[in-house]
Amino acid sequence: MANALPRNADVAAQFDLLADLMELEGADRFRVSSYRSAASRIRETGSSVAQLALDGRAKELQGIGKTIEGKIVEIVEDGEIHALSKRKDVVPGDVALFMRLPGLGAKTAARIWHELGVTTLDELRAAAEQQRLRDLGGLGAKTEERILKALNDTAEAEPFRPLLGDALPALLAVVEVLREHPASDQVSDAGSARRRKETIRDLDIIATASDPPALIDYFTSLRWVVEIAAKGDTKATVVSNDGYRFDLRVVPPESYGNLLQHFTGSKEHNLALREAAVRRKLSVSEYGVTETESGTVHTHATEEELYRFLGYDWIPPELRENCGELEAARAHELPALVELDDIRGDLHSHSTWSDGKETLEVMARAAKARGYAYLAITDHGERLREGRAEEQWAEVDALNERLKPFRIVKGVEVGIRADGGLALGDEALAGFEWVIASLHTSFDRNPTERVLAAIENPNVHMIGHLTARKLNIRSGADIDIERVVEKAVETGTFLEINAQPNRLDLRDTHARVAGEAGVKIPVSTDSHQLSALGHMPIGVAQARRAWLTKEQVLNTRTWKQIERLRKR
């Protein structure tokens, strides 16, 4: 069932690389941005974008025009975008990788290439070790140290793993499709995706069926399957047209709980579970629990039954990381985790007043349609200077009158500058109802001190995406979490879980520390387009992985309740 068409992930990768090379050349920012947006859209599309382009229908996708569709056809017919081939002849391949290192944007990477003749990562390492980078104005010893550390971290890093936010919709869609088959009984996602890890490897599915071979046949013949890696009567592995690897196991109904628990828990969780069982003369496997003295095997149709048999309350999948959940479950002390339905509004979003793709009204109506009571529009402060904020507020007032009781909150996201100041002055910030301060540049320049200064500003209500990490791209600023949390508690400043799939920042361990210290944590989407409002579930999942309750998550409250909790 092999298909010669390129996978969506491979098509998207070419557009990402083209954007990188164009940025290195100093090309028009709009064109660079359009290619990056196209790459994101291609990755998010469930059907084969290559086939859509051949059919002349790729233009139906948002952000894909005639020009980009033509470039997709070039990939199909010639293997590579023609413009990319030309640029690869000019720009050495590793130079684009320079841009992934902290503190090295496109301009600096281009200078290292042109002025020092450095074209590979090995040459870059040598230049840093030989202290040659400091010969370029603006770069110093600290930059060389950071580059060497980043290169070492990259060498030791795990292989690229798909983002949860990209892969989860595909996984849940397949689960739903399998549930519709007449032979299926129970079907569930499993593995790291069910634990809602920020990145995943394979996409695991556990099922029971009246006719396992029939369900397997159906699974392997789905239209998006481009490769059948393995197939038997009760399990199969396939690769989709967007590059995801799906594993399906069809198990006996009486062992469903055992298999689902085994294939959901982390290795550390399952090992701790087994070690605790051994002390009770029990042996836990994926197929059942054996009494070691008598040899009696106990199987369990549900996870609840299994955990109860072993002496635990049922443990939510997001907590199964061996971080205290087994002890809490045995003592009946697991927290009641926040639920998606608890969220009352979104406190971080953008519109066409800055770099968003949609108007204020479109964003507000979409948020209202989701059942939210409010949406904070937090366009970038740099775009709201010279009276534009007042113009935006007038539009907000008019919309609030039409949309009430739904409320658009007058917000702003202000950059934390390299010198520790904010991109808008206090007088301007004081006019907004909701102020977010975020690191957007110079991540290597005293990031902790800059964040602490922003927290101390009486006009700043929330710190956005604290470390500014981008999963699979950059590790983020080296922030002293304990100091930031302590200062946030002292000042009543909120720390955000940003639900963008490549951020999920705060990370789960940091959010747990903050929540336990008493910081209220908003979960928000940082939406720049309508589809991004749909990232709230993975943000809530991140909060659940952090053991956060409804009380600890800020935007489970009404806007009036949040107003009372804000700094004054």
Protein backbone atom coordinates (compact mmCIF):
# COMPACT_ATOMS: atom_id res chain seq x y z
CA MET A 1 0.00 0.00 0.00
CA ALA A 2 2.98 2.28 -0.47
CA ASN A 3 2.28 5.71 -1.85
CA ALA A 4 4.87 7.72 -3.76
CA LEU A 5 3.45 11.06 -2.65
CA PRO A 6 5.56 12.92 -0.07
CA ARG A 7 4.23 13.05 3.47
CA ASN A 8 2.85 16.30 4.86
CA ALA A 9 5.68 16.51 7.41
CA ASP A 10 8.28 16.29 4.62
CA VAL A 11 6.52 18.94 2.53
CA ALA A 12 6.29 21.25 5.55
CA ALA A 13 9.98 20.74 6.32
CA GLN A 14 10.92 22.06 2.88
CA PHE A 15 8.90 25.24 3.40
CA ASP A 16 10.46 25.72 6.84
CA LEU A 17 13.95 25.37 5.38
CA LEU A 18 13.11 27.71 2.51
CA ALA A 19 11.95 30.31 5.05
CA ASP A 20 15.17 29.87 7.04
CA LEU A 21 17.38 30.33 3.99
CA MET A 22 15.41 33.34 2.80
CA GLU A 23 15.68 34.92 6.24
CA LEU A 24 19.44 34.40 6.14
CA GLU A 25 19.49 36.26 2.82
CA GLY A 26 17.50 39.12 4.33
CA ALA A 27 14.41 38.46 2.22
CA ASP A 28 11.10 40.24 2.71
CA ARG A 29 9.66 39.34 6.13
CA PHE A 30 6.17 38.88 4.74
CA ARG A 31 7.32 36.20 2.30
CA VAL A 32 9.30 34.44 5.02
CA SER A 33 6.27 34.52 7.33
CA SER A 34 3.97 33.22 4.59
CA TYR A 35 6.16 30.15 4.07
CA ARG A 36 6.33 29.45 7.80
CA SER A 37 2.55 29.76 8.05
CA ALA A 38 2.16 27.43 5.09
CA ALA A 39 4.40 24.87 6.79
CA SER A 40 2.24 24.96 9.91
CA ARG A 41 -0.95 24.60 7.90
CA ILE A 42 0.47 21.66 5.94
CA ARG A 43 1.44 19.84 9.16
CA GLU A 44 -2.03 20.40 10.64
CA THR A 45 -3.87 19.05 7.59
CA GLY A 46 -5.20 15.51 7.94
CA SER A 47 -5.31 14.59 4.25
CA SER A 48 -2.39 14.48 1.83
CA VAL A 49 -1.53 18.06 0.87
CA ALA A 50 0.53 16.73 -2.03
CA GLN A 51 -2.58 15.09 -3.48
CA LEU A 52 -4.63 18.23 -2.87
CA ALA A 53 -2.03 20.25 -4.80
CA LEU A 54 -2.09 17.81 -7.71
CA ASP A 55 -5.87 18.11 -7.74
CA GLY A 56 -5.64 21.91 -7.67
CA ARG A 57 -7.37 22.01 -4.27
CA ALA A 58 -4.53 22.94 -1.91
CA LYS A 59 -5.58 26.58 -2.37
CA GLU A 60 -8.70 25.73 -0.35
CA LEU A 61 -6.51 25.54 2.76
CA GLN A 62 -6.11 28.75 4.76
CA GLY A 63 -2.74 30.36 4.03
CA ILE A 64 -2.11 28.32 0.87
CA GLY A 65 -2.32 30.35 -2.33
CA LYS A 66 -1.59 29.60 -5.96
CA THR A 67 2.15 30.22 -5.58
CA ILE A 68 2.57 27.89 -2.63
CA GLU A 69 0.38 25.27 -4.27
CA GLY A 70 2.69 25.40 -7.27
CA LYS A 71 5.69 24.84 -5.02
CA ILE A 72 4.01 21.78 -3.49
CA VAL A 73 3.56 20.40 -7.01
CA GLU A 74 7.28 20.99 -7.59
CA ILE A 75 8.02 18.80 -4.55
CA VAL A 76 5.79 16.05 -5.93
CA GLU A 77 7.17 16.17 -9.45
CA ASP A 78 10.83 17.05 -8.85
CA GLY A 79 11.45 16.17 -5.22
CA GLU A 80 12.19 19.70 -4.04
CA ILE A 81 10.95 23.27 -4.30
CA HIS A 82 12.93 24.87 -7.13
CA ALA A 83 13.60 28.03 -5.12
CA LEU A 84 14.90 25.89 -2.26
CA SER A 85 17.28 24.02 -4.56
CA LYS A 86 18.72 27.31 -5.82
CA ARG A 87 19.22 28.67 -2.32
CA LYS A 88 20.82 25.44 -1.08
CA ASP A 89 23.44 25.92 -3.79
CA VAL A 90 24.24 29.31 -2.28
CA VAL A 91 23.66 28.93 1.48
CA PRO A 92 25.58 26.11 3.23
CA GLY A 93 23.14 23.72 4.88
CA ASP A 94 24.41 24.03 8.45
CA VAL A 95 24.16 27.81 8.47
CA ALA A 96 20.38 27.49 8.82
CA LEU A 97 21.01 25.36 11.93
CA PHE A 98 22.95 28.25 13.48
CA MET A 99 19.59 30.02 13.85
CA ARG A 100 18.39 27.30 16.23
CA LEU A 101 21.06 28.20 18.79
CA PRO A 102 20.33 30.68 21.61
CA GLY A 103 21.19 34.25 20.78
CA LEU A 104 21.86 33.57 17.09
CA GLY A 105 19.19 35.07 14.91
CA ALA A 106 19.30 35.21 11.12
CA LYS A 107 21.44 38.36 10.98
CA THR A 108 24.07 37.05 13.38
CA ALA A 109 24.16 33.66 11.67
CA ALA A 110 24.70 35.39 8.33
CA ARG A 111 27.54 37.48 9.77
CA ILE A 112 29.28 34.40 11.15
CA TRP A 113 29.02 32.81 7.72
CA HIS A 114 30.05 35.81 5.64
CA GLU A 115 32.64 37.46 7.90
CA LEU A 116 34.28 34.40 9.45
CA GLY A 117 33.67 31.87 6.67
CA VAL A 118 32.09 29.45 9.16
CA THR A 119 29.69 27.11 7.35
CA THR A 120 29.27 23.99 9.52
CA LEU A 121 28.38 23.23 13.13
CA ASP A 122 31.86 21.73 13.63
CA GLU A 123 33.45 24.93 12.34
CA LEU A 124 31.17 26.96 14.59
CA ARG A 125 32.24 24.91 17.59
CA ALA A 126 35.90 25.42 16.67
CA ALA A 127 35.39 29.18 16.22
CA ALA A 128 33.78 29.42 19.65
CA GLU A 129 36.52 27.32 21.28
CA GLN A 130 39.19 29.48 19.59
CA GLN A 131 37.40 32.66 20.76
CA ARG A 132 37.04 33.93 17.19
CA LEU A 133 33.35 34.87 17.47
CA ARG A 134 34.15 37.77 19.75
CA ASP A 135 35.96 39.37 16.81
CA LEU A 136 32.50 40.22 15.48
CA GLY A 137 31.01 43.33 16.99
CA GLY A 138 28.21 42.56 19.43
CA LEU A 139 29.39 39.05 20.28
CA GLY A 140 31.45 38.25 23.34
CA ALA A 141 32.78 35.52 25.59
CA LYS A 142 29.34 34.74 27.02
CA THR A 143 27.96 34.19 23.54
CA GLU A 144 30.75 31.72 22.81
CA GLU A 145 30.05 29.90 26.07
CA ARG A 146 26.32 29.67 25.30
CA ILE A 147 26.96 28.38 21.79
CA LEU A 148 29.29 25.66 23.07
CA LYS A 149 26.78 24.65 25.72
CA ALA A 150 23.95 24.56 23.17
CA LEU A 151 26.03 22.48 20.74
CA ASN A 152 26.85 20.02 23.53
CA ASP A 153 23.19 19.88 24.60
CA THR A 154 22.16 19.27 20.99
CA ALA A 155 24.64 16.44 20.64
CA GLU A 156 23.22 14.80 23.76
CA ALA A 157 19.57 15.53 23.01
CA GLU A 158 16.96 12.93 22.23
CA PRO A 159 15.86 12.51 18.60
CA PHE A 160 13.19 14.85 17.27
CA ARG A 161 9.75 13.97 18.65
CA PRO A 162 6.47 15.28 17.23
CA LEU A 163 4.58 17.85 19.30
CA LEU A 164 1.56 16.69 21.28
CA GLY A 165 -0.54 19.51 19.86
CA ASP A 166 0.19 18.40 16.30
CA ALA A 167 -0.18 14.64 16.82
CA LEU A 168 -3.03 14.41 19.33
CA PRO A 169 -5.83 15.52 16.96
CA ALA A 170 -4.73 12.84 14.50
CA LEU A 171 -4.67 10.19 17.23
CA LEU A 172 -8.09 11.08 18.62
CA ALA A 173 -9.54 11.13 15.10
CA VAL A 174 -8.31 7.57 14.50
CA VAL A 175 -9.73 6.46 17.85
CA GLU A 176 -13.13 7.83 16.82
CA VAL A 177 -12.96 6.16 13.42
CA LEU A 178 -12.16 2.79 15.01
CA ARG A 179 -15.02 3.18 17.49
CA GLU A 180 -17.44 3.45 14.57
CA HIS A 181 -16.48 0.03 13.19
CA PRO A 182 -19.12 -2.63 13.97
CA ALA A 183 -16.53 -5.06 15.34
CA SER A 184 -15.08 -2.62 17.88
CA ASP A 185 -16.14 -2.50 21.51
CA GLN A 186 -13.77 -0.33 23.54
CA VAL A 187 -11.09 1.89 21.96
CA SER A 188 -8.70 4.24 23.78
CA ASP A 189 -5.58 6.21 23.11
CA ALA A 190 -2.61 5.11 25.23
CA GLY A 191 1.09 5.78 25.66
CA SER A 192 2.71 9.16 26.18
CA ALA A 193 -0.05 10.85 24.20
CA ARG A 194 -2.66 9.69 26.72
CA ARG A 195 -0.44 11.08 29.47
CA ARG A 196 -0.40 14.28 27.36
CA LYS A 197 3.38 14.53 27.28
CA GLU A 198 4.48 17.66 25.43
CA THR A 199 6.17 15.55 22.75
CA ILE A 200 5.38 11.99 21.73
CA ARG A 201 6.91 9.12 19.80
CA ASP A 202 4.50 6.47 18.51
CA LEU A 203 0.73 6.88 18.76
CA ASP A 204 -0.66 3.93 20.73
CA ILE A 205 -4.22 2.62 20.61
CA ILE A 206 -5.70 -0.20 22.74
CA ALA A 207 -9.00 -1.80 21.75
CA THR A 208 -11.32 -4.74 22.31
CA ALA A 209 -13.39 -6.21 19.48
CA SER A 210 -15.80 -8.99 18.66
CA ASP A 211 -13.72 -9.74 15.57
CA PRO A 212 -10.10 -8.58 16.10
CA PRO A 213 -8.83 -9.48 12.58
CA ALA A 214 -11.69 -7.48 11.02
CA LEU A 215 -10.79 -4.40 13.06
CA ILE A 216 -7.12 -4.83 12.17
CA ASP A 217 -7.98 -5.12 8.46
CA TYR A 218 -10.08 -1.97 8.68
CA PHE A 219 -7.30 -0.09 10.48
CA THR A 220 -4.64 -1.01 7.91
CA SER A 221 -6.88 -0.10 4.97
CA LEU A 222 -7.78 3.43 6.07
CA ARG A 223 -7.22 5.89 3.23
CA TRP A 224 -4.45 7.86 4.92
CA VAL A 225 -2.25 4.81 5.51
CA VAL A 226 0.85 4.97 3.32
CA GLU A 227 2.81 2.12 4.90
CA ILE A 228 1.94 -1.04 6.83
CA ALA A 229 4.98 -1.65 9.01
CA ALA A 230 3.56 -4.74 10.75
CA LYS A 231 0.31 -6.67 10.75
CA GLY A 232 -1.07 -9.65 12.64
CA ASP A 233 -4.47 -10.85 13.84
CA THR A 234 -4.43 -8.70 17.00
CA LYS A 235 -1.93 -5.90 16.36
CA ALA A 236 -0.69 -3.72 13.56
CA THR A 237 1.57 -0.73 12.96
CA VAL A 238 0.96 1.76 10.17
CA VAL A 239 2.46 5.05 9.03
CA SER A 240 0.15 7.90 8.01
CA ASN A 241 0.56 10.36 5.16
CA ASP A 242 1.67 13.00 7.67
CA GLY A 243 4.42 10.78 9.03
CA TYR A 244 2.86 9.55 12.27
CA ARG A 245 3.35 5.95 13.35
CA PHE A 246 0.22 4.33 14.83
CA ASP A 247 0.28 1.10 16.87
CA LEU A 248 -3.03 -0.72 17.42
CA ARG A 249 -3.42 -3.65 19.82
CA VAL A 250 -6.71 -5.53 20.08
CA VAL A 251 -6.83 -7.28 23.46
CA PRO A 252 -9.19 -9.67 25.29
CA PRO A 253 -11.97 -7.74 27.09
CA GLU A 254 -11.12 -9.31 30.42
CA SER A 255 -7.54 -7.91 30.20
CA TYR A 256 -8.38 -4.51 28.72
CA GLY A 257 -7.66 -2.65 31.98
CA ASN A 258 -4.30 -4.39 32.40
CA LEU A 259 -3.13 -3.66 28.86
CA LEU A 260 -4.41 -0.08 28.87
CA GLN A 261 -2.67 0.67 32.16
CA HIS A 262 0.57 -0.97 31.00
CA PHE A 263 0.69 0.94 27.72
CA THR A 264 -0.27 4.28 29.34
CA GLY A 265 1.95 4.50 32.41
CA SER A 266 5.47 5.82 32.02
CA LYS A 267 8.29 3.33 32.45
CA GLU A 268 9.04 4.83 35.87
CA HIS A 269 5.40 4.66 37.01
CA ASN A 270 5.01 1.04 35.92
CA LEU A 271 8.29 0.01 37.52
CA ALA A 272 7.31 1.58 40.84
CA LEU A 273 3.89 -0.08 40.61
CA ARG A 274 5.49 -3.48 40.05
CA GLU A 275 8.06 -3.06 42.83
CA ALA A 276 5.32 -2.15 45.30
CA ALA A 277 3.32 -5.21 44.18
CA VAL A 278 6.30 -7.52 44.71
CA ARG A 279 6.34 -6.55 48.38
CA ARG A 280 2.77 -7.85 48.55
CA LYS A 281 3.79 -11.08 46.79
CA LEU A 282 2.14 -10.02 43.53
CA SER A 283 3.61 -9.93 40.04
CA VAL A 284 2.20 -7.30 37.68
CA SER A 285 2.44 -7.74 33.91
CA GLU A 286 0.61 -6.34 30.94
CA TYR A 287 -1.63 -9.42 30.92
CA GLY A 288 -2.65 -9.59 34.58
CA VAL A 289 -1.60 -9.71 38.23
CA THR A 290 -0.25 -13.06 39.48
CA GLU A 291 -0.22 -14.19 43.10
CA THR A 292 3.34 -15.52 43.33
CA GLU A 293 2.60 -18.16 45.97
CA SER A 294 -0.52 -19.70 44.40
CA GLY A 295 0.02 -18.80 40.76
CA THR A 296 -3.50 -17.39 40.52
CA VAL A 297 -3.80 -14.79 37.76
CA HIS A 298 -6.19 -11.84 38.11
CA THR A 299 -7.24 -9.95 35.01
CA HIS A 300 -9.12 -6.66 35.00
CA ALA A 301 -11.56 -5.29 32.48
CA THR A 302 -10.96 -1.69 33.60
CA GLU A 303 -8.06 0.32 34.95
CA GLU A 304 -10.17 1.25 37.97
CA GLU A 305 -10.47 -2.44 38.90
CA LEU A 306 -6.73 -2.98 38.49
CA TYR A 307 -5.68 -0.02 40.60
CA ARG A 308 -8.26 -0.94 43.26
CA PHE A 309 -6.97 -4.54 43.38
CA LEU A 310 -3.45 -3.18 43.96
CA GLY A 311 -4.64 -0.85 46.72
CA TYR A 312 -4.81 2.48 44.88
CA ASP A 313 -7.40 4.99 43.81
CA TRP A 314 -7.58 5.32 40.02
CA ILE A 315 -4.76 7.60 38.87
CA PRO A 316 -5.44 10.08 36.03
CA PRO A 317 -3.18 9.29 33.05
CA GLU A 318 -1.49 12.71 33.17
CA LEU A 319 -0.06 11.93 36.62
CA ARG A 320 1.50 8.55 35.83
CA GLU A 321 5.13 9.66 35.94
CA ASN A 322 6.23 8.31 39.36
CA CYS A 323 6.22 11.76 40.90
CA GLY A 324 4.32 10.89 44.07
CA GLU A 325 1.06 9.79 42.50
CA LEU A 326 1.23 6.19 43.78
CA GLU A 327 1.71 7.28 47.37
CA ALA A 328 -1.10 9.83 47.05
CA ALA A 329 -3.42 7.28 45.44
CA ARG A 330 -2.79 4.77 48.23
CA ALA A 331 -3.51 7.45 50.85
CA HIS A 332 -6.64 8.67 48.96
CA GLU A 333 -5.00 12.09 48.59
CA LEU A 334 -4.92 12.61 44.83
CA PRO A 335 -6.05 16.12 43.88
CA ALA A 336 -9.24 16.77 41.92
CA LEU A 337 -7.53 17.99 38.76
CA VAL A 338 -8.75 20.95 36.72
CA GLU A 339 -11.04 20.01 33.82
CA LEU A 340 -11.42 21.64 30.41
CA ASP A 341 -15.04 22.49 31.25
CA ASP A 342 -13.81 24.55 34.21
CA ILE A 343 -12.22 27.17 31.93
CA ARG A 344 -14.30 30.37 31.79
CA GLY A 345 -12.20 32.42 29.37
CA ASP A 346 -8.87 32.93 27.59
CA LEU A 347 -6.44 35.55 28.88
CA HIS A 348 -3.91 35.75 26.03
CA SER A 349 -4.82 36.32 22.37
CA HIS A 350 -3.98 38.57 19.43
CA SER A 351 -5.87 40.28 16.63
CA THR A 352 -5.10 42.21 13.46
CA TRP A 353 -4.29 45.19 15.66
CA SER A 354 -0.85 43.57 16.00
CA ASP A 355 0.26 40.27 14.48
CA GLY A 356 -2.96 38.28 14.68
CA LYS A 357 -4.69 36.91 11.61
CA GLU A 358 -8.28 37.76 12.63
CA THR A 359 -10.16 40.88 13.63
CA LEU A 360 -11.25 41.64 17.18
CA GLU A 361 -14.83 40.74 16.39
CA VAL A 362 -13.98 37.42 14.75
CA MET A 363 -11.81 36.38 17.70
CA ALA A 364 -14.42 37.47 20.23
CA ARG A 365 -17.30 35.69 18.51
CA ALA A 366 -15.24 32.50 18.23
CA ALA A 367 -14.40 32.64 21.94
CA LYS A 368 -18.04 33.24 22.78
CA ALA A 369 -19.04 30.28 20.60
CA ARG A 370 -16.72 28.11 22.70
CA GLY A 371 -18.77 29.00 25.75
CA TYR A 372 -16.28 31.47 27.20
CA ALA A 373 -17.48 34.45 29.20
CA TYR A 374 -14.48 36.62 28.28
CA LEU A 375 -11.45 36.91 26.01
CA ALA A 376 -8.45 39.11 26.75
CA ILE A 377 -7.15 40.65 23.54
CA THR A 378 -3.48 41.24 24.32
CA ASP A 379 -1.96 42.68 21.19
CA HIS A 380 1.71 43.61 21.32
CA GLY A 381 2.32 46.93 23.02
CA GLU A 382 4.79 48.04 20.37
CA ARG A 383 1.89 48.10 17.89
CA LEU A 384 -0.42 50.09 20.18
CA ARG A 385 1.59 53.28 20.55
CA GLU A 386 0.66 56.79 19.44
CA GLY A 387 -3.03 56.65 20.24
CA ARG A 388 -3.75 53.26 18.68
CA ALA A 389 -4.59 51.76 22.08
CA GLU A 390 -7.40 54.26 22.52
CA GLU A 391 -8.67 53.46 19.02
CA GLN A 392 -8.69 49.77 19.86
CA TRP A 393 -10.50 50.37 23.15
CA ALA A 394 -13.24 52.26 21.31
CA GLU A 395 -13.76 49.21 19.09
CA VAL A 396 -13.74 46.96 22.17
CA ASP A 397 -16.39 49.10 23.88
CA ALA A 398 -18.66 48.92 20.83
CA LEU A 399 -18.23 45.15 20.53
CA ASN A 400 -18.84 44.60 24.24
CA GLU A 401 -22.10 46.46 23.95
CA ARG A 402 -23.21 44.16 21.12
CA LEU A 403 -21.86 40.91 22.58
CA LYS A 404 -22.76 41.32 26.27
CA PRO A 405 -22.73 39.60 28.67
CA PHE A 406 -19.61 38.28 26.88
CA ARG A 407 -16.69 40.60 27.53
CA ILE A 408 -13.54 41.50 25.60
CA VAL A 409 -10.88 42.44 28.12
CA LYS A 410 -8.64 45.35 27.14
CA GLY A 411 -5.22 43.75 27.38
CA VAL A 412 -1.69 44.12 26.10
CA GLU A 413 1.38 41.92 25.82
CA VAL A 414 4.48 44.01 26.43
CA GLY A 415 8.00 42.86 25.71
CA ILE A 416 10.64 42.70 28.43
CA ARG A 417 13.58 44.54 26.91
CA ALA A 418 17.20 43.44 27.11
CA ASP A 419 17.89 46.20 29.65
CA GLY A 420 15.11 44.95 31.93
CA GLY A 421 12.63 47.69 31.08
CA LEU A 422 9.26 47.20 29.41
CA ALA A 423 8.41 48.18 25.84
CA LEU A 424 5.63 50.48 27.11
CA GLY A 425 5.88 52.99 29.94
CA ASP A 426 3.93 52.79 33.19
CA GLU A 427 1.51 55.54 32.22
CA ALA A 428 0.51 53.68 29.06
CA LEU A 429 0.29 50.31 30.83
CA ALA A 430 -1.95 51.70 33.55
CA GLY A 431 -4.74 52.21 31.03
CA PHE A 432 -5.07 48.50 30.26
CA GLU A 433 -7.24 46.07 32.21
CA TRP A 434 -4.84 43.15 31.74
CA VAL A 435 -1.06 43.37 31.19
CA ILE A 436 1.19 40.48 30.18
CA ALA A 437 4.97 40.88 30.19
CA SER A 438 6.99 38.38 28.13
CA LEU A 439 10.53 37.66 27.00
CA HIS A 440 10.70 37.80 23.21
CA THR A 441 14.36 38.60 22.53
CA SER A 442 17.84 38.43 24.08
CA PHE A 443 17.01 35.28 26.01
CA ASP A 444 20.61 34.94 27.13
CA ARG A 445 20.90 38.38 28.73
CA ASN A 446 20.07 38.21 32.45
CA PRO A 447 16.64 36.63 31.85
CA THR A 448 15.87 35.99 35.53
CA GLU A 449 16.63 39.56 36.60
CA ARG A 450 14.57 40.94 33.73
CA VAL A 451 11.57 38.77 34.62
CA LEU A 452 11.88 39.71 38.31
CA ALA A 453 11.88 43.40 37.36
CA ALA A 454 8.72 42.89 35.30
CA ILE A 455 7.04 41.03 38.17
CA GLU A 456 7.78 43.95 40.51
CA ASN A 457 6.10 46.39 38.13
CA PRO A 458 2.68 47.16 39.68
CA ASN A 459 1.06 47.31 36.23
CA VAL A 460 2.08 43.77 35.19
CA HIS A 461 -0.51 41.11 36.01
CA MET A 462 0.96 38.05 34.30
CA ILE A 463 4.26 36.74 32.92
CA GLY A 464 3.70 35.06 29.56
CA HIS A 465 5.55 31.88 28.44
CA LEU A 466 8.16 32.30 31.18
CA THR A 467 11.21 30.66 29.58
CA ALA A 468 10.25 31.49 25.96
CA ARG A 469 11.21 27.95 24.96
CA LYS A 470 10.24 26.53 21.56
CA LEU A 471 10.07 22.74 21.64
CA ASN A 472 12.38 21.08 19.08
CA ILE A 473 13.85 24.52 18.31
CA ARG A 474 15.29 26.18 21.42
CA SER A 475 15.51 25.17 25.06
CA GLY A 476 14.46 28.54 26.41
CA ALA A 477 15.98 31.07 28.77
CA ASP A 478 17.82 29.85 31.85
CA ILE A 479 15.35 31.09 34.45
CA ASP A 480 15.75 30.67 38.22
CA ILE A 481 12.28 29.26 38.79
CA GLU A 482 12.42 29.36 42.58
CA ARG A 483 13.27 33.08 42.65
CA VAL A 484 10.58 33.89 40.10
CA VAL A 485 7.94 31.90 41.98
CA GLU A 486 8.90 33.51 45.28
CA LYS A 487 8.61 36.99 43.76
CA ALA A 488 5.31 36.10 42.04
CA VAL A 489 3.84 35.01 45.38
CA GLU A 490 5.12 38.16 47.06
CA THR A 491 3.64 40.51 44.45
CA GLY A 492 0.50 38.60 43.43
CA THR A 493 1.70 38.14 39.85
CA PHE A 494 0.33 35.27 37.76
CA LEU A 495 2.52 32.85 35.77
CA GLU A 496 1.04 31.52 32.53
CA ILE A 497 0.81 28.05 31.06
CA ASN A 498 0.97 28.93 27.37
CA ALA A 499 -0.94 26.32 25.36
CA GLN A 500 0.83 26.85 22.04
CA PRO A 501 1.95 23.33 21.07
CA ASN A 502 5.59 24.31 20.63
CA ARG A 503 5.68 26.21 23.94
CA LEU A 504 3.65 24.55 26.73
CA ASP A 505 5.54 26.94 28.93
CA LEU A 506 5.41 26.76 31.98
CA ARG A 507 6.56 23.17 31.78
CA ASP A 508 4.69 20.77 34.05
CA THR A 509 7.32 20.57 36.80
CA HIS A 510 7.64 24.36 36.99
CA ALA A 511 3.88 24.86 37.06
CA ARG A 512 3.59 22.36 39.89
CA VAL A 513 6.20 24.25 41.94
CA ALA A 514 4.38 27.52 41.28
CA GLY A 515 0.97 26.09 42.10
CA GLU A 516 2.15 24.53 45.35
CA ALA A 517 3.70 27.87 46.35
CA GLY A 518 0.36 29.62 45.91
CA VAL A 519 0.75 31.24 42.49
CA LYS A 520 -2.45 31.30 40.46
CA ILE A 521 -1.79 29.88 36.99
CA PRO A 522 -3.74 31.13 33.94
CA VAL A 523 -3.99 28.61 31.09
CA SER A 524 -4.19 30.54 27.83
CA THR A 525 -3.69 29.92 24.13
CA ASP A 526 -1.71 32.95 22.92
CA SER A 527 -3.93 32.65 19.85
CA HIS A 528 -2.87 34.50 16.72
CA GLN A 529 -5.59 32.83 14.61
CA LEU A 530 -8.92 31.11 15.14
CA SER A 531 -7.60 27.55 15.05
CA ALA A 532 -5.21 28.30 17.92
CA LEU A 533 -8.14 28.83 20.29
CA GLY A 534 -8.48 25.06 19.99
CA HIS A 535 -5.18 24.53 21.81
CA MET A 536 -6.81 25.08 25.22
CA PRO A 537 -7.21 21.28 25.85
CA ILE A 538 -3.47 20.65 25.72
CA GLY A 539 -2.87 23.66 27.97
CA VAL A 540 -5.32 22.21 30.48
CA ALA A 541 -3.59 18.84 30.11
CA GLN A 542 -0.31 20.55 30.99
CA ALA A 543 -2.00 21.98 34.10
CA ARG A 544 -3.25 18.51 35.01
CA ARG A 545 0.27 17.10 34.59
CA ALA A 546 1.29 19.82 37.08
CA TRP A 547 -1.26 18.48 39.60
CA LEU A 548 -3.25 21.74 39.39
CA THR A 549 -6.81 21.96 40.66
CA LYS A 550 -9.63 24.21 39.53
CA GLU A 551 -8.82 26.57 42.41
CA GLN A 552 -5.17 26.90 41.33
CA VAL A 553 -6.01 27.78 37.70
CA LEU A 554 -6.86 31.47 37.43
CA ASN A 555 -9.24 31.47 34.47
CA THR A 556 -11.68 29.03 36.01
CA ARG A 557 -13.06 32.22 37.56
CA THR A 558 -15.34 34.94 36.24
CA TRP A 559 -13.69 38.14 35.05
CA LYS A 560 -15.03 40.01 38.09
CA GLN A 561 -13.37 37.46 40.35
CA ILE A 562 -10.10 37.84 38.45
CA GLU A 563 -10.34 41.63 38.77
CA ARG A 564 -10.42 41.25 42.54
CA LEU A 565 -7.28 39.08 42.46
CA ARG A 566 -5.25 41.40 40.20
CA LYS A 567 -2.58 43.75 41.47
CA ARG A 568 -3.93 47.20 42.18
